[in-house]
Amino acid sequence: MRQLDYNWEFNVLNIENYRLQNKLTRYFDFIIENHDRLGGDIFEFGVYKGRSLLLVAMLLKELGSDKLSWVMLLQPPAYMRNGAIYLSKRDVVIHDNSLWGKSIYPLVMDEESSVNIDSMLDFEMAELLMKKRQA
C-alpha cells in the first residue's frame, strides 16, 4: 500500500487526513508519540463505520510499526418477533381490534426454541429438532 500524499485521496476514502488538524488529531498524535512504547496492538471500541480503524492501520504502516489495528463494534443485540407467545388484555383485542396494546415486552428465546411453523416443511424441521432434543 502506498502512502496517501494528497488530501483528496483521504476524501475519496471518506476518512480524515491524519496529517491535518481534525477531530482525531489528539488521538493520532498520541499514537505517533507512543506507538513504540505501548505493548501489544491498538484496539478500538465503538468505531463508527471503521473509518478510524483504517486510519490507524495506515498510520501504523507509515510509522513502520508492526502493530495491528483491531476494532470492537458495540451494537445492541437485534431480535425478531417469532409469534410464539402473545399475552393480550381482552379489552385491547375487542376494542382496539389488535393483539398489541401500548405496552409490549419481549420474551427472549433461544433460536432452537423459536421455530416458526408455517408449512409442512417447517413442521418436519420442528419434528427433527424435537427428536434431536429427546435423544
Protein backbone atom coordinates (compact mmCIF):
# COMPACT_ATOMS: atom_id res chain seq x y z
CA MET A 1 0.00 0.00 0.00
CA ARG A 2 1.44 3.34 -0.97
CA GLN A 3 1.33 6.36 1.30
CA LEU A 4 -1.50 8.84 0.67
CA ASP A 5 0.01 12.21 -0.21
CA TYR A 6 -2.90 14.46 -1.04
CA ASN A 7 -5.96 15.49 0.94
CA TRP A 8 -8.27 14.50 -1.95
CA GLU A 9 -7.07 10.88 -1.58
CA PHE A 10 -8.32 10.82 2.01
CA ASN A 11 -11.59 12.44 0.87
CA VAL A 12 -12.14 9.73 -1.75
CA LEU A 13 -11.80 7.11 1.00
CA ASN A 14 -14.13 9.22 3.20
CA ILE A 15 -11.59 9.30 6.05
CA GLU A 16 -9.81 12.05 7.97
CA ASN A 17 -6.32 13.10 6.91
CA TYR A 18 -4.22 12.29 9.98
CA ARG A 19 -1.57 14.80 8.85
CA LEU A 20 -4.00 17.71 9.11
CA GLN A 21 -5.74 19.18 12.16
CA ASN A 22 -9.06 17.35 12.68
CA LYS A 23 -11.29 15.94 15.42
CA LEU A 24 -8.99 12.92 15.87
CA THR A 25 -5.70 14.86 15.96
CA ARG A 26 -5.05 14.23 19.68
CA TYR A 27 -5.65 10.50 19.17
CA PHE A 28 -3.29 10.30 16.20
CA ASP A 29 -0.66 12.41 17.99
CA PHE A 30 -0.79 10.00 20.94
CA ILE A 31 -0.25 7.02 18.63
CA ILE A 32 2.62 8.76 16.81
CA GLU A 33 4.34 9.70 20.07
CA ASN A 34 3.76 6.41 21.93
CA HIS A 35 3.29 3.54 19.45
CA ASP A 36 6.77 2.15 20.07
CA ARG A 37 6.35 2.29 23.88
CA LEU A 38 2.89 0.71 24.01
CA GLY A 39 2.81 -3.05 24.49
CA GLY A 40 0.57 -5.00 22.14
CA ASP A 41 -1.61 -3.87 19.29
CA ILE A 42 -4.01 -0.91 19.03
CA PHE A 43 -7.57 -1.90 19.99
CA GLU A 44 -10.55 0.42 19.49
CA PHE A 45 -14.08 0.15 20.89
CA GLY A 46 -17.24 1.56 19.33
CA VAL A 47 -15.77 2.51 15.98
CA TYR A 48 -18.16 4.21 13.56
CA LYS A 49 -18.06 2.58 10.10
CA GLY A 50 -14.42 1.53 10.61
CA ARG A 51 -13.01 4.89 9.48
CA SER A 52 -10.57 5.34 12.35
CA LEU A 53 -9.60 1.66 12.08
CA LEU A 54 -8.40 2.21 8.52
CA LEU A 55 -6.65 5.43 9.50
CA VAL A 56 -4.82 3.84 12.43
CA ALA A 57 -3.72 0.92 10.24
CA MET A 58 -2.41 3.36 7.61
CA LEU A 59 -0.67 5.48 10.23
CA LEU A 60 1.00 2.46 11.86
CA LYS A 61 2.24 1.27 8.47
CA GLU A 62 3.59 4.73 7.71
CA LEU A 63 5.38 4.74 11.10
CA GLY A 64 6.96 1.38 10.24
CA SER A 65 5.24 -0.29 13.19
CA ASP A 66 4.47 -4.00 13.25
CA LYS A 67 1.41 -3.39 15.46
CA LEU A 68 -2.06 -4.32 14.22
CA SER A 69 -5.19 -2.21 14.48
CA TRP A 70 -8.23 -4.06 15.93
CA VAL A 71 -11.81 -2.94 16.43
CA MET A 72 -14.77 -3.98 18.59
CA LEU A 73 -18.08 -2.73 17.25
CA LEU A 74 -20.54 -2.15 20.04
CA GLN A 75 -24.03 -2.77 18.75
CA PRO A 76 -27.14 -3.61 20.67
CA PRO A 77 -28.49 -7.13 20.13
CA ALA A 78 -31.21 -7.42 17.49
CA TYR A 79 -34.32 -9.51 18.00
CA MET A 80 -37.10 -10.66 15.69
CA ARG A 81 -40.69 -11.30 16.71
CA ASN A 82 -41.39 -15.01 16.32
CA GLY A 83 -45.08 -15.13 17.21
CA ALA A 84 -44.61 -17.86 19.82
CA ILE A 85 -46.43 -16.16 22.69
CA TYR A 86 -48.84 -13.23 22.83
CA LEU A 87 -50.45 -12.14 26.06
CA SER A 88 -53.09 -9.51 25.49
CA LYS A 89 -55.80 -7.93 27.58
CA ARG A 90 -59.33 -8.75 26.47
CA ASP A 91 -60.20 -5.05 26.09
CA VAL A 92 -57.26 -4.48 23.74
CA VAL A 93 -58.35 -7.36 21.49
CA ILE A 94 -62.03 -6.36 21.47
CA HIS A 95 -61.90 -2.55 21.49
CA ASP A 96 -58.64 -1.94 19.61
CA ASN A 97 -59.03 -4.98 17.32
CA SER A 98 -55.35 -5.76 17.95
CA LEU A 99 -53.11 -8.18 19.82
CA TRP A 100 -50.73 -5.36 20.78
CA GLY A 101 -51.54 -2.75 23.33
CA LYS A 102 -49.45 0.27 24.28
CA SER A 103 -47.04 -1.80 26.39
CA ILE A 104 -45.11 -4.52 24.61
CA TYR A 105 -42.48 -6.61 26.39
CA PRO A 106 -40.23 -9.24 24.81
CA LEU A 107 -39.70 -12.81 25.90
CA VAL A 108 -36.22 -13.57 24.57
CA MET A 109 -35.99 -17.16 23.35
CA ASP A 110 -33.07 -19.16 22.00
CA GLU A 111 -33.23 -19.97 18.29
CA GLU A 112 -33.89 -23.67 18.81
CA SER A 113 -36.99 -22.95 20.92
CA SER A 114 -38.21 -20.38 18.43
CA VAL A 115 -39.21 -22.45 15.41
CA ASN A 116 -41.82 -20.84 13.20
CA ILE A 117 -44.16 -23.43 11.64
CA ASP A 118 -45.94 -22.07 8.58
CA SER A 119 -45.67 -25.04 6.22
CA MET A 120 -45.28 -28.82 6.19
CA LEU A 121 -41.53 -28.39 5.69
CA ASP A 122 -41.38 -26.18 8.79
CA PHE A 123 -43.35 -28.83 10.69
CA GLU A 124 -40.95 -31.59 9.60
CA MET A 125 -37.96 -29.46 10.66
CA ALA A 126 -39.58 -28.87 14.05
CA GLU A 127 -40.15 -32.63 14.40
CA LEU A 128 -36.47 -33.29 13.69
CA LEU A 129 -35.46 -30.75 16.34
CA MET A 130 -37.80 -32.34 18.88
CA LYS A 131 -36.39 -35.82 18.16
CA LYS A 132 -32.87 -34.47 18.46
CA ARG A 133 -33.71 -32.84 21.78
CA GLN A 134 -35.24 -36.09 23.13
CA ALA A 135 -32.22 -38.21 22.10
